[in-house]
């Protein structure tokens, strides 16, 4: 199934959605991580919109990724314009478009190695 169009699933069908590098695979087409293409932004928005749509209220979207927080959170918070404003800033909190609260943490990293990041989105009505 196309992750940007999960029409076979009903609205609010799942308590939890787990992503292990699926979002990373979608971002492979991103030629410049600092200035994402319109196509990359559109695909990310479609994936995240569909994920939000199929997630029940109080459900969780869990994403495990190598993508650093200052890159990934701009998509998860629907704030792509932040690449121009604050390129190294990581975002968290409530995202109105996807109706979720975003938090994250670094996991499994060792000094001098690349970290893995764990993004947690809880679907809710507001902050």
PDB file of N, CA and C in Angstrom:
ATOM      1  N   UNK A   1       0.848  -1.175   0.000  1.00  0.00           N
ATOM      2  CA  UNK A   1       0.000   0.000   0.000  1.00  0.00           C
ATOM      3  C   UNK A   1       0.896   1.243   0.000  1.00  0.00           C
ATOM      4  N   UNK A   2       0.452   2.251  -0.664  1.00  0.00           N
ATOM      5  CA  UNK A   2       1.155   3.529  -0.724  1.00  0.00           C
ATOM      6  C   UNK A   2       0.967   4.257   0.611  1.00  0.00           C
ATOM      7  N   UNK A   3       2.064   4.556   1.290  1.00  0.00           N
ATOM      8  CA  UNK A   3       1.976   5.191   2.613  1.00  0.00           C
ATOM      9  C   UNK A   3       1.466   6.618   2.542  1.00  0.00           C
ATOM     10  N   UNK A   4       1.430   7.214   1.353  1.00  0.00           N
ATOM     11  CA  UNK A   4       0.897   8.566   1.210  1.00  0.00           C
ATOM     12  C   UNK A   4      -0.589   8.562   0.867  1.00  0.00           C
ATOM     13  N   UNK A   5      -1.159   7.361   0.709  1.00  0.00           N
ATOM     14  CA  UNK A   5      -2.592   7.216   0.412  1.00  0.00           C
ATOM     15  C   UNK A   5      -3.070   5.874   0.971  1.00  0.00           C
ATOM     16  N   UNK A   6      -3.418   5.858   2.236  1.00  0.00           N
ATOM     17  CA  UNK A   6      -3.833   4.624   2.905  1.00  0.00           C
ATOM     18  C   UNK A   6      -5.354   4.520   2.950  1.00  0.00           C
ATOM     19  N   UNK A   7      -5.982   4.708   1.797  1.00  0.00           N
ATOM     20  CA  UNK A   7      -7.439   4.773   1.701  1.00  0.00           C
ATOM     21  C   UNK A   7      -8.142   3.473   2.089  1.00  0.00           C
ATOM     22  N   UNK A   8      -7.417   2.378   2.139  1.00  0.00           N
ATOM     23  CA  UNK A   8      -8.032   1.111   2.556  1.00  0.00           C
ATOM     24  C   UNK A   8      -8.326   1.069   4.052  1.00  0.00           C
ATOM     25  N   UNK A   9      -7.741   1.997   4.796  1.00  0.00           N
ATOM     26  CA  UNK A   9      -7.979   2.068   6.236  1.00  0.00           C
ATOM     27  C   UNK A   9      -8.998   3.155   6.546  1.00  0.00           C
ATOM     28  N   UNK A  10      -9.845   2.872   7.534  1.00  0.00           N
ATOM     29  CA  UNK A  10     -10.840   3.850   7.982  1.00  0.00           C
ATOM     30  C   UNK A  10     -10.181   4.921   8.847  1.00  0.00           C
ATOM     31  N   UNK A  11     -10.861   6.049   8.991  1.00  0.00           N
ATOM     32  CA  UNK A  11     -10.415   7.085   9.921  1.00  0.00           C
ATOM     33  C   UNK A  11     -10.356   6.512  11.329  1.00  0.00           C
ATOM     34  N   UNK A  12      -9.344   6.895  12.065  1.00  0.00           N
ATOM     35  CA  UNK A  12      -9.175   6.504  13.477  1.00  0.00           C
ATOM     36  C   UNK A  12      -9.293   4.992  13.683  1.00  0.00           C
ATOM     37  N   UNK A  13      -8.609   4.233  12.861  1.00  0.00           N
ATOM     38  CA  UNK A  13      -8.667   2.772  12.940  1.00  0.00           C
ATOM     39  C   UNK A  13      -7.611   2.166  13.857  1.00  0.00           C
ATOM     40  N   UNK A  14      -6.507   2.883  14.096  1.00  0.00           N
ATOM     41  CA  UNK A  14      -5.386   2.292  14.825  1.00  0.00           C
ATOM     42  C   UNK A  14      -5.076   3.027  16.123  1.00  0.00           C
ATOM     43  N   UNK A  15      -4.702   2.253  17.134  1.00  0.00           N
ATOM     44  CA  UNK A  15      -4.256   2.804  18.413  1.00  0.00           C
ATOM     45  C   UNK A  15      -2.804   3.246  18.335  1.00  0.00           C
ATOM     46  N   UNK A  16      -2.037   2.581  17.478  1.00  0.00           N
ATOM     47  CA  UNK A  16      -0.608   2.874  17.374  1.00  0.00           C
ATOM     48  C   UNK A  16      -0.145   2.626  15.938  1.00  0.00           C
ATOM     49  N   UNK A  17       0.724   3.491  15.473  1.00  0.00           N
ATOM     50  CA  UNK A  17       1.387   3.329  14.181  1.00  0.00           C
ATOM     51  C   UNK A  17       2.880   3.405  14.465  1.00  0.00           C
ATOM     52  N   UNK A  18       3.633   2.416  13.988  1.00  0.00           N
ATOM     53  CA  UNK A  18       5.076   2.361  14.216  1.00  0.00           C
ATOM     54  C   UNK A  18       5.797   2.500  12.880  1.00  0.00           C
ATOM     55  N   UNK A  19       6.741   3.417  12.854  1.00  0.00           N
ATOM     56  CA  UNK A  19       7.545   3.661  11.665  1.00  0.00           C
ATOM     57  C   UNK A  19       9.002   3.388  11.996  1.00  0.00           C
ATOM     58  N   UNK A  20       9.588   2.422  11.325  1.00  0.00           N
ATOM     59  CA  UNK A  20      11.025   2.163  11.471  1.00  0.00           C
ATOM     60  C   UNK A  20      11.663   2.385  10.104  1.00  0.00           C
ATOM     61  N   UNK A  21      12.110   3.617   9.889  1.00  0.00           N
ATOM     62  CA  UNK A  21      12.821   4.039   8.680  1.00  0.00           C
ATOM     63  C   UNK A  21      11.931   4.177   7.444  1.00  0.00           C
ATOM     64  N   UNK A  22      10.616   4.066   7.592  1.00  0.00           N
ATOM     65  CA  UNK A  22       9.725   4.292   6.453  1.00  0.00           C
ATOM     66  C   UNK A  22       9.805   5.747   6.023  1.00  0.00           C
ATOM     67  N   UNK A  23       9.716   6.649   6.986  1.00  0.00           N
ATOM     68  CA  UNK A  23       9.831   8.076   6.687  1.00  0.00           C
ATOM     69  C   UNK A  23      11.210   8.370   6.094  1.00  0.00           C
ATOM     70  N   UNK A  24      12.252   7.707   6.617  1.00  0.00           N
ATOM     71  CA  UNK A  24      13.597   7.874   6.078  1.00  0.00           C
ATOM     72  C   UNK A  24      13.629   7.497   4.597  1.00  0.00           C
ATOM     73  N   UNK A  25      12.982   6.407   4.242  1.00  0.00           N
ATOM     74  CA  UNK A  25      12.948   5.959   2.844  1.00  0.00           C
ATOM     75  C   UNK A  25      12.255   6.987   1.959  1.00  0.00           C
ATOM     76  N   UNK A  26      11.218   7.600   2.469  1.00  0.00           N
ATOM     77  CA  UNK A  26      10.503   8.634   1.721  1.00  0.00           C
ATOM     78  C   UNK A  26      11.402   9.845   1.472  1.00  0.00           C
ATOM     79  N   UNK A  27      12.273  10.139   2.416  1.00  0.00           N
ATOM     80  CA  UNK A  27      13.133  11.312   2.321  1.00  0.00           C
ATOM     81  C   UNK A  27      14.373  11.100   1.451  1.00  0.00           C
ATOM     82  N   UNK A  28      14.583   9.903   0.943  1.00  0.00           N
ATOM     83  CA  UNK A  28      15.740   9.634   0.091  1.00  0.00           C
ATOM     84  C   UNK A  28      15.753  10.562  -1.123  1.00  0.00           C
ATOM     85  N   UNK A  29      14.590  10.935  -1.621  1.00  0.00           N
ATOM     86  CA  UNK A  29      14.492  11.807  -2.796  1.00  0.00           C
ATOM     87  C   UNK A  29      14.848  13.259  -2.480  1.00  0.00           C
ATOM     88  N   UNK A  30      15.017  13.567  -1.214  1.00  0.00           N
ATOM     89  CA  UNK A  30      15.344  14.931  -0.797  1.00  0.00           C
ATOM     90  C   UNK A  30      16.786  15.230  -1.212  1.00  0.00           C
ATOM     91  N   UNK A  31      16.955  16.125  -2.182  1.00  0.00           N
ATOM     92  CA  UNK A  31      18.279  16.416  -2.711  1.00  0.00           C
ATOM     93  C   UNK A  31      19.103  17.299  -1.781  1.00  0.00           C
ATOM     94  N   UNK A  32      18.455  18.218  -1.086  1.00  0.00           N
ATOM     95  CA  UNK A  32      19.143  19.137  -0.196  1.00  0.00           C
ATOM     96  C   UNK A  32      18.348  19.196   1.104  1.00  0.00           C
ATOM     97  N   UNK A  33      18.896  18.633   2.178  1.00  0.00           N
ATOM     98  CA  UNK A  33      18.161  18.567   3.448  1.00  0.00           C
ATOM     99  C   UNK A  33      17.857  19.940   4.024  1.00  0.00           C
ATOM    100  N   UNK A  34      18.630  20.959   3.627  1.00  0.00           N
ATOM    101  CA  UNK A  34      18.428  22.317   4.128  1.00  0.00           C
ATOM    102  C   UNK A  34      17.352  23.059   3.351  1.00  0.00           C
ATOM    103  N   UNK A  35      17.117  22.638   2.125  1.00  0.00           N
ATOM    104  CA  UNK A  35      16.102  23.257   1.263  1.00  0.00           C
ATOM    105  C   UNK A  35      15.317  22.149   0.561  1.00  0.00           C
ATOM    106  N   UNK A  36      14.385  21.526   1.268  1.00  0.00           N
ATOM    107  CA  UNK A  36      13.658  20.391   0.684  1.00  0.00           C
ATOM    108  C   UNK A  36      12.836  20.819  -0.530  1.00  0.00           C
ATOM    109  N   UNK A  37      12.754  19.917  -1.498  1.00  0.00           N
ATOM    110  CA  UNK A  37      11.983  20.189  -2.709  1.00  0.00           C
ATOM    111  C   UNK A  37      10.486  20.184  -2.403  1.00  0.00           C
ATOM    112  N   UNK A  38       9.723  20.832  -3.261  1.00  0.00           N
ATOM    113  CA  UNK A  38       8.264  20.849  -3.109  1.00  0.00           C
ATOM    114  C   UNK A  38       7.703  19.429  -3.133  1.00  0.00           C
ATOM    115  N   UNK A  39       8.250  18.567  -3.978  1.00  0.00           N
ATOM    116  CA  UNK A  39       7.777  17.192  -4.066  1.00  0.00           C
ATOM    117  C   UNK A  39       8.027  16.434  -2.761  1.00  0.00           C
ATOM    118  N   UNK A  40       9.197  16.643  -2.178  1.00  0.00           N
ATOM    119  CA  UNK A  40       9.531  15.986  -0.910  1.00  0.00           C
ATOM    120  C   UNK A  40       8.603  16.473   0.207  1.00  0.00           C
ATOM    121  N   UNK A  41       8.352  17.772   0.245  1.00  0.00           N
ATOM    122  CA  UNK A  41       7.452  18.344   1.250  1.00  0.00           C
ATOM    123  C   UNK A  41       6.046  17.784   1.077  1.00  0.00           C
ATOM    124  N   UNK A  42       5.597  17.687  -0.169  1.00  0.00           N
ATOM    125  CA  UNK A  42       4.254  17.176  -0.462  1.00  0.00           C
ATOM    126  C   UNK A  42       4.119  15.711  -0.050  1.00  0.00           C
ATOM    127  N   UNK A  43       5.121  14.888  -0.364  1.00  0.00           N
ATOM    128  CA  UNK A  43       5.067  13.476   0.019  1.00  0.00           C
ATOM    129  C   UNK A  43       5.073  13.303   1.534  1.00  0.00           C
ATOM    130  N   UNK A  44       5.913  14.063   2.217  1.00  0.00           N
ATOM    131  CA  UNK A  44       5.960  13.988   3.680  1.00  0.00           C
ATOM    132  C   UNK A  44       4.618  14.387   4.277  1.00  0.00           C
ATOM    133  N   UNK A  45       4.032  15.459   3.767  1.00  0.00           N
ATOM    134  CA  UNK A  45       2.738  15.917   4.268  1.00  0.00           C
ATOM    135  C   UNK A  45       1.647  14.875   4.017  1.00  0.00           C
ATOM    136  N   UNK A  46       1.679  14.236   2.861  1.00  0.00           N
ATOM    137  CA  UNK A  46       0.691  13.186   2.560  1.00  0.00           C
ATOM    138  C   UNK A  46       0.842  12.012   3.518  1.00  0.00           C
ATOM    139  N   UNK A  47       2.082  11.575   3.755  1.00  0.00           N
ATOM    140  CA  UNK A  47       2.341  10.469   4.676  1.00  0.00           C
ATOM    141  C   UNK A  47       1.884  10.814   6.092  1.00  0.00           C
ATOM    142  N   UNK A  48       2.268  11.990   6.573  1.00  0.00           N
ATOM    143  CA  UNK A  48       1.917  12.385   7.937  1.00  0.00           C
ATOM    144  C   UNK A  48       0.419  12.641   8.077  1.00  0.00           C
ATOM    145  N   UNK A  49      -0.202  13.212   7.070  1.00  0.00           N
ATOM    146  CA  UNK A  49      -1.644  13.442   7.093  1.00  0.00           C
ATOM    147  C   UNK A  49      -2.415  12.131   7.145  1.00  0.00           C
ATOM    148  N   UNK A  50      -1.989  11.171   6.341  1.00  0.00           N
ATOM    149  CA  UNK A  50      -2.637   9.860   6.343  1.00  0.00           C
ATOM    150  C   UNK A  50      -2.415   9.144   7.674  1.00  0.00           C
ATOM    151  N   UNK A  51      -1.214   9.267   8.218  1.00  0.00           N
ATOM    152  CA  UNK A  51      -0.928   8.640   9.515  1.00  0.00           C
ATOM    153  C   UNK A  51      -1.815   9.245  10.594  1.00  0.00           C
ATOM    154  N   UNK A  52      -1.951  10.540  10.604  1.00  0.00           N
ATOM    155  CA  UNK A  52      -2.823  11.204  11.572  1.00  0.00           C
ATOM    156  C   UNK A  52      -4.276  10.777  11.381  1.00  0.00           C
ATOM    157  N   UNK A  53      -4.702  10.675  10.145  1.00  0.00           N
ATOM    158  CA  UNK A  53      -6.096  10.316   9.838  1.00  0.00           C
ATOM    159  C   UNK A  53      -6.454   8.927  10.368  1.00  0.00           C
ATOM    160  N   UNK A  54      -5.558   7.963  10.236  1.00  0.00           N
ATOM    161  CA  UNK A  54      -5.872   6.582  10.643  1.00  0.00           C
ATOM    162  C   UNK A  54      -5.625   6.337  12.129  1.00  0.00           C
ATOM    163  N   UNK A  55      -5.043   7.307  12.815  1.00  0.00           N
ATOM    164  CA  UNK A  55      -4.722   7.167  14.230  1.00  0.00           C
ATOM    165  C   UNK A  55      -5.889   7.621  15.112  1.00  0.00           C
ATOM    166  N   UNK A  56      -6.250   6.788  16.080  1.00  0.00           N
ATOM    167  CA  UNK A  56      -7.313   7.138  17.020  1.00  0.00           C
ATOM    168  C   UNK A  56      -6.862   8.261  17.945  1.00  0.00           C
ATOM    169  N   UNK A  57      -7.828   8.988  18.487  1.00  0.00           N
ATOM    170  CA  UNK A  57      -7.534   9.990  19.503  1.00  0.00           C
ATOM    171  C   UNK A  57      -6.844   9.294  20.672  1.00  0.00           C
ATOM    172  N   UNK A  58      -5.816   9.903  21.194  1.00  0.00           N
ATOM    173  CA  UNK A  58      -4.962   9.355  22.255  1.00  0.00           C
ATOM    174  C   UNK A  58      -4.092   8.207  21.777  1.00  0.00           C
ATOM    175  N   UNK A  59      -4.075   7.967  20.470  1.00  0.00           N
ATOM    176  CA  UNK A  59      -3.186   6.962  19.899  1.00  0.00           C
ATOM    177  C   UNK A  59      -1.793   7.539  19.697  1.00  0.00           C
ATOM    178  N   UNK A  60      -0.853   6.661  19.398  1.00  0.00           N
ATOM    179  CA  UNK A  60       0.542   7.069  19.248  1.00  0.00           C
ATOM    180  C   UNK A  60       1.083   6.726  17.867  1.00  0.00           C
ATOM    181  N   UNK A  61       1.845   7.658  17.337  1.00  0.00           N
ATOM    182  CA  UNK A  61       2.655   7.431  16.150  1.00  0.00           C
ATOM    183  C   UNK A  61       4.094   7.447  16.635  1.00  0.00           C
ATOM    184  N   UNK A  62       4.777   6.309  16.529  1.00  0.00           N
ATOM    185  CA  UNK A  62       6.155   6.170  16.981  1.00  0.00           C
ATOM    186  C   UNK A  62       7.054   6.040  15.767  1.00  0.00           C
ATOM    187  N   UNK A  63       8.100   6.822  15.723  1.00  0.00           N
ATOM    188  CA  UNK A  63       8.996   6.810  14.583  1.00  0.00           C
ATOM    189  C   UNK A  63      10.437   6.703  15.060  1.00  0.00           C
ATOM    190  N   UNK A  64      11.157   5.723  14.531  1.00  0.00           N
ATOM    191  CA  UNK A  64      12.567   5.510  14.850  1.00  0.00           C
ATOM    192  C   UNK A  64      13.360   5.863  13.600  1.00  0.00           C
ATOM    193  N   UNK A  65      14.372   6.723  13.766  1.00  0.00           N
ATOM    194  CA  UNK A  65      15.033   7.279  12.589  1.00  0.00           C
ATOM    195  C   UNK A  65      16.469   7.677  12.895  1.00  0.00           C
ATOM    196  N   UNK A  66      17.284   7.725  11.844  1.00  0.00           N
ATOM    197  CA  UNK A  66      18.612   8.316  11.945  1.00  0.00           C
ATOM    198  C   UNK A  66      18.562   9.820  11.693  1.00  0.00           C
ATOM    199  N   UNK A  67      17.414  10.336  11.258  1.00  0.00           N
ATOM    200  CA  UNK A  67      17.289  11.754  10.932  1.00  0.00           C
ATOM    201  C   UNK A  67      17.395  12.601  12.189  1.00  0.00           C
ATOM    202  N   UNK A  68      18.305  13.548  12.165  1.00  0.00           N
ATOM    203  CA  UNK A  68      18.510  14.419  13.314  1.00  0.00           C
ATOM    204  C   UNK A  68      17.275  15.276  13.552  1.00  0.00           C
ATOM    205  N   UNK A  69      17.078  15.627  14.808  1.00  0.00           N
ATOM    206  CA  UNK A  69      15.841  16.304  15.210  1.00  0.00           C
ATOM    207  C   UNK A  69      15.629  17.642  14.513  1.00  0.00           C
ATOM    208  N   UNK A  70      16.691  18.380  14.230  1.00  0.00           N
ATOM    209  CA  UNK A  70      16.504  19.686  13.583  1.00  0.00           C
ATOM    210  C   UNK A  70      16.064  19.543  12.127  1.00  0.00           C
ATOM    211  N   UNK A  71      16.192  18.350  11.545  1.00  0.00           N
ATOM    212  CA  UNK A  71      15.640  18.101  10.221  1.00  0.00           C
ATOM    213  C   UNK A  71      14.218  17.529  10.319  1.00  0.00           C
ATOM    214  N   UNK A  72      14.063  16.453  11.066  1.00  0.00           N
ATOM    215  CA  UNK A  72      12.810  15.700  11.065  1.00  0.00           C
ATOM    216  C   UNK A  72      11.649  16.441  11.719  1.00  0.00           C
ATOM    217  N   UNK A  73      11.908  17.161  12.811  1.00  0.00           N
ATOM    218  CA  UNK A  73      10.790  17.781  13.534  1.00  0.00           C
ATOM    219  C   UNK A  73      10.093  18.870  12.726  1.00  0.00           C
ATOM    220  N   UNK A  74      10.775  19.455  11.783  1.00  0.00           N
ATOM    221  CA  UNK A  74      10.140  20.477  10.943  1.00  0.00           C
ATOM    222  C   UNK A  74       9.024  19.871  10.101  1.00  0.00           C
ATOM    223  N   UNK A  75       9.209  18.642   9.666  1.00  0.00           N
ATOM    224  CA  UNK A  75       8.148  17.926   8.951  1.00  0.00           C
ATOM    225  C   UNK A  75       7.039  17.505   9.915  1.00  0.00           C
ATOM    226  N   UNK A  76       7.419  16.931  11.044  1.00  0.00           N
ATOM    227  CA  UNK A  76       6.447  16.410  12.006  1.00  0.00           C
ATOM    228  C   UNK A  76       5.576  17.505  12.618  1.00  0.00           C
ATOM    229  N   UNK A  77       6.086  18.735  12.603  1.00  0.00           N
ATOM    230  CA  UNK A  77       5.343  19.878  13.138  1.00  0.00           C
ATOM    231  C   UNK A  77       4.741  20.742  12.031  1.00  0.00           C
ATOM    232  N   UNK A  78       4.877  20.305  10.769  1.00  0.00           N
ATOM    233  CA  UNK A  78       4.352  21.054   9.623  1.00  0.00           C
ATOM    234  C   UNK A  78       4.904  22.490   9.612  1.00  0.00           C
ATOM    235  N   UNK A  79       6.207  22.607   9.821  1.00  0.00           N
ATOM    236  CA  UNK A  79       6.853  23.920   9.896  1.00  0.00           C
ATOM    237  C   UNK A  79       8.084  23.976   8.992  1.00  0.00           C
ATOM    238  N   UNK A  80       7.916  23.673   7.741  1.00  0.00           N
ATOM    239  CA  UNK A  80       9.023  23.643   6.798  1.00  0.00           C
ATOM    240  C   UNK A  80       9.703  25.013   6.686  1.00  0.00           C
ATOM    241  N   UNK A  81       8.950  26.079   6.846  1.00  0.00           N
ATOM    242  CA  UNK A  81       9.538  27.419   6.763  1.00  0.00           C
ATOM    243  C   UNK A  81      10.624  27.638   7.808  1.00  0.00           C
ATOM    244  N   UNK A  82      10.640  26.836   8.866  1.00  0.00           N
ATOM    245  CA  UNK A  82      11.660  26.954   9.912  1.00  0.00           C
ATOM    246  C   UNK A  82      13.060  26.622   9.396  1.00  0.00           C
ATOM    247  N   UNK A  83      13.173  25.921   8.245  1.00  0.00           N
ATOM    248  CA  UNK A  83      14.489  25.669   7.676  1.00  0.00           C
ATOM    249  C   UNK A  83      15.187  26.990   7.370  1.00  0.00           C
ATOM    250  N   UNK A  84      14.439  27.990   6.945  1.00  0.00           N
ATOM    251  CA  UNK A  84      15.006  29.299   6.614  1.00  0.00           C
ATOM    252  C   UNK A  84      15.193  30.151   7.867  1.00  0.00           C
ATOM    253  N   UNK A  85      14.296  30.032   8.829  1.00  0.00           N
ATOM    254  CA  UNK A  85      14.317  30.868  10.032  1.00  0.00           C
ATOM    255  C   UNK A  85      15.343  30.369  11.047  1.00  0.00           C
ATOM    256  N   UNK A  86      15.251  29.099  11.398  1.00  0.00           N
ATOM    257  CA  UNK A  86      16.112  28.506  12.434  1.00  0.00           C
ATOM    258  C   UNK A  86      16.540  27.098  11.998  1.00  0.00           C
ATOM    259  N   UNK A  87      17.528  26.999  11.116  1.00  0.00           N
ATOM    260  CA  UNK A  87      17.871  25.699  10.544  1.00  0.00           C
ATOM    261  C   UNK A  87      18.313  24.638  11.553  1.00  0.00           C
ATOM    262  N   UNK A  88      18.902  25.036  12.679  1.00  0.00           N
ATOM    263  CA  UNK A  88      19.381  24.060  13.662  1.00  0.00           C
ATOM    264  C   UNK A  88      18.424  23.850  14.834  1.00  0.00           C
ATOM    265  N   UNK A  89      17.301  24.518  14.799  1.00  0.00           N
ATOM    266  CA  UNK A  89      16.328  24.419  15.889  1.00  0.00           C
ATOM    267  C   UNK A  89      15.471  23.160  15.710  1.00  0.00           C
ATOM    268  N   UNK A  90      15.311  22.421  16.798  1.00  0.00           N
ATOM    269  CA  UNK A  90      14.397  21.278  16.834  1.00  0.00           C
ATOM    270  C   UNK A  90      13.078  21.737  17.428  1.00  0.00           C
ATOM    271  N   UNK A  91      11.990  21.280  16.865  1.00  0.00           N
ATOM    272  CA  UNK A  91      10.667  21.694  17.311  1.00  0.00           C
ATOM    273  C   UNK A  91       9.998  20.576  18.106  1.00  0.00           C
ATOM    274  N   UNK A  92       9.112  20.947  19.005  1.00  0.00           N
ATOM    275  CA  UNK A  92       8.290  19.971  19.723  1.00  0.00           C
ATOM    276  C   UNK A  92       7.060  20.675  20.235  1.00  0.00           C
ATOM    277  N   UNK A  93       6.100  19.895  20.712  1.00  0.00           N
ATOM    278  CA  UNK A  93       4.852  20.469  21.200  1.00  0.00           C
ATOM    279  C   UNK A  93       3.697  20.055  20.318  1.00  0.00           C
ATOM    280  N   UNK A  94       2.636  20.885  20.334  1.00  0.00           N
ATOM    281  CA  UNK A  94       1.413  20.553  19.622  1.00  0.00           C
ATOM    282  C   UNK A  94       1.462  21.010  18.173  1.00  0.00           C
ATOM    283  N   UNK A  95       1.094  20.109  17.266  1.00  0.00           N
ATOM    284  CA  UNK A  95       0.979  20.421  15.842  1.00  0.00           C
ATOM    285  C   UNK A  95      -0.503  20.402  15.485  1.00  0.00           C
ATOM    286  N   UNK A  96      -1.044  21.557  15.196  1.00  0.00           N
ATOM    287  CA  UNK A  96      -2.475  21.677  14.910  1.00  0.00           C
ATOM    288  C   UNK A  96      -2.887  20.884  13.666  1.00  0.00           C
ATOM    289  N   UNK A  97      -2.080  20.927  12.613  1.00  0.00           N
ATOM    290  CA  UNK A  97      -2.454  20.263  11.364  1.00  0.00           C
ATOM    291  C   UNK A  97      -2.652  18.761  11.551  1.00  0.00           C
ATOM    292  N   UNK A  98      -1.728  18.116  12.266  1.00  0.00           N
ATOM    293  CA  UNK A  98      -1.807  16.665  12.451  1.00  0.00           C
ATOM    294  C   UNK A  98      -2.454  16.262  13.774  1.00  0.00           C
ATOM    295  N   UNK A  99      -2.816  17.222  14.587  1.00  0.00           N
ATOM    296  CA  UNK A  99      -3.479  16.984  15.881  1.00  0.00           C
ATOM    297  C   UNK A  99      -2.688  16.045  16.782  1.00  0.00           C
ATOM    298  N   UNK A 100      -1.400  16.328  16.911  1.00  0.00           N
ATOM    299  CA  UNK A 100      -0.599  15.523  17.832  1.00  0.00           C
ATOM    300  C   UNK A 100       0.412  16.383  18.570  1.00  0.00           C
ATOM    301  N   UNK A 101       0.828  15.844  19.722  1.00  0.00           N
ATOM    302  CA  UNK A 101       1.919  16.429  20.489  1.00  0.00           C
ATOM    303  C   UNK A 101       3.175  15.647  20.169  1.00  0.00           C
ATOM    304  N   UNK A 102       4.235  16.355  19.836  1.00  0.00           N
ATOM    305  CA  UNK A 102       5.501  15.744  19.459  1.00  0.00           C
ATOM    306  C   UNK A 102       6.516  15.866  20.581  1.00  0.00           C
ATOM    307  N   UNK A 103       7.165  14.756  20.870  1.00  0.00           N
ATOM    308  CA  UNK A 103       8.342  14.750  21.739  1.00  0.00           C
ATOM    309  C   UNK A 103       9.354  13.810  21.093  1.00  0.00           C
ATOM    310  N   UNK A 104      10.586  13.849  21.558  1.00  0.00           N
ATOM    311  CA  UNK A 104      11.618  12.991  20.969  1.00  0.00           C
ATOM    312  C   UNK A 104      12.772  12.827  21.939  1.00  0.00           C
ATOM    313  N   UNK A 105      13.582  11.817  21.661  1.00  0.00           N
ATOM    314  CA  UNK A 105      14.814  11.652  22.423  1.00  0.00           C
ATOM    315  C   UNK A 105      15.808  10.857  21.588  1.00  0.00           C
ATOM    316  N   UNK A 106      17.053  10.987  21.935  1.00  0.00           N
ATOM    317  CA  UNK A 106      18.123  10.244  21.286  1.00  0.00           C
ATOM    318  C   UNK A 106      18.234   8.885  21.970  1.00  0.00           C
ATOM    319  N   UNK A 107      18.401   7.835  21.180  1.00  0.00           N
ATOM    320  CA  UNK A 107      18.529   6.497  21.761  1.00  0.00           C
ATOM    321  C   UNK A 107      19.710   5.759  21.128  1.00  0.00           C
ATOM    322  N   UNK A 108      20.370   4.966  21.906  1.00  0.00           N
ATOM    323  CA  UNK A 108      21.373   4.037  21.395  1.00  0.00           C
ATOM    324  C   UNK A 108      22.663   4.629  20.884  1.00  0.00           C
ATOM    325  N   UNK A 109      22.859   5.913  21.032  1.00  0.00           N
ATOM    326  CA  UNK A 109      24.089   6.513  20.528  1.00  0.00           C
ATOM    327  C   UNK A 109      25.245   6.317  21.491  1.00  0.00           C
ATOM    328  N   UNK A 110      26.412   6.202  20.934  1.00  0.00           N
ATOM    329  CA  UNK A 110      27.623   6.128  21.735  1.00  0.00           C
ATOM    330  C   UNK A 110      28.496   7.311  21.350  1.00  0.00           C
ATOM    331  N   UNK A 111      29.341   7.726  22.246  1.00  0.00           N
ATOM    332  CA  UNK A 111      30.185   8.876  21.971  1.00  0.00           C
ATOM    333  C   UNK A 111      30.933   8.673  20.654  1.00  0.00           C
ATOM    334  N   UNK A 112      30.816   9.649  19.772  1.00  0.00           N
ATOM    335  CA  UNK A 112      31.510   9.577  18.495  1.00  0.00           C
ATOM    336  C   UNK A 112      30.763   8.835  17.405  1.00  0.00           C
ATOM    337  N   UNK A 113      29.568   8.345  17.720  1.00  0.00           N
ATOM    338  CA  UNK A 113      28.798   7.628  16.703  1.00  0.00           C
ATOM    339  C   UNK A 113      27.532   8.404  16.366  1.00  0.00           C
ATOM    340  N   UNK A 114      26.886   7.988  15.309  1.00  0.00           N
ATOM    341  CA  UNK A 114      25.616   8.602  14.949  1.00  0.00           C
ATOM    342  C   UNK A 114      24.524   8.090  15.868  1.00  0.00           C
ATOM    343  N   UNK A 115      23.683   8.989  16.325  1.00  0.00           N
ATOM    344  CA  UNK A 115      22.572   8.609  17.184  1.00  0.00           C
ATOM    345  C   UNK A 115      21.395   8.094  16.352  1.00  0.00           C
ATOM    346  N   UNK A 116      20.527   7.411  17.034  1.00  0.00           N
ATOM    347  CA  UNK A 116      19.228   7.051  16.509  1.00  0.00           C
ATOM    348  C   UNK A 116      18.233   7.870  17.323  1.00  0.00           C
ATOM    349  N   UNK A 117      17.160   8.297  16.677  1.00  0.00           N
ATOM    350  CA  UNK A 117      16.198   9.160  17.357  1.00  0.00           C
ATOM    351  C   UNK A 117      14.832   8.495  17.413  1.00  0.00           C
ATOM    352  N   UNK A 118      14.157   8.702  18.534  1.00  0.00           N
ATOM    353  CA  UNK A 118      12.846   8.140  18.780  1.00  0.00           C
ATOM    354  C   UNK A 118      11.867   9.305  18.891  1.00  0.00           C
ATOM    355  N   UNK A 119      10.975   9.402  17.903  1.00  0.00           N
ATOM    356  CA  UNK A 119       9.972  10.465  17.855  1.00  0.00           C
ATOM    357  C   UNK A 119       8.639   9.891  18.300  1.00  0.00           C
ATOM    358  N   UNK A 120       7.973  10.594  19.204  1.00  0.00           N
ATOM    359  CA  UNK A 120       6.689  10.158  19.740  1.00  0.00           C
ATOM    360  C   UNK A 120       5.649  11.250  19.481  1.00  0.00           C
ATOM    361  N   UNK A 121       4.604  10.866  18.761  1.00  0.00           N
ATOM    362  CA  UNK A 121       3.500  11.772  18.501  1.00  0.00           C
ATOM    363  C   UNK A 121       2.244  11.173  19.125  1.00  0.00           C
ATOM    364  N   UNK A 122       1.621  11.905  20.036  1.00  0.00           N
ATOM    365  CA  UNK A 122       0.372  11.453  20.654  1.00  0.00           C
ATOM    366  C   UNK A 122      -0.758  12.286  20.083  1.00  0.00           C
ATOM    367  N   UNK A 123      -1.728  11.613  19.479  1.00  0.00           N
ATOM    368  CA  UNK A 123      -2.851  12.312  18.865  1.00  0.00           C
ATOM    369  C   UNK A 123      -3.778  12.837  19.953  1.00  0.00           C
ATOM    370  N   UNK A 124      -4.148  14.105  19.830  1.00  0.00           N
ATOM    371  CA  UNK A 124      -4.979  14.754  20.841  1.00  0.00           C
ATOM    372  C   UNK A 124      -5.675  15.951  20.227  1.00  0.00           C
ATOM    373  N   UNK A 125      -6.550  16.586  20.981  1.00  0.00           N
ATOM    374  CA  UNK A 125      -7.284  17.751  20.497  1.00  0.00           C
ATOM    375  C   UNK A 125      -6.489  19.042  20.595  1.00  0.00           C
ATOM    376  N   UNK A 126      -5.625  19.134  21.611  1.00  0.00           N
ATOM    377  CA  UNK A 126      -4.846  20.343  21.827  1.00  0.00           C
ATOM    378  C   UNK A 126      -3.684  20.025  22.745  1.00  0.00           C
ATOM    379  N   UNK A 127      -2.918  21.074  23.057  1.00  0.00           N
ATOM    380  CA  UNK A 127      -1.758  20.902  23.924  1.00  0.00           C
ATOM    381  C   UNK A 127      -2.187  20.377  25.256  1.00  0.00           C
TER     382      UNK A 127
END
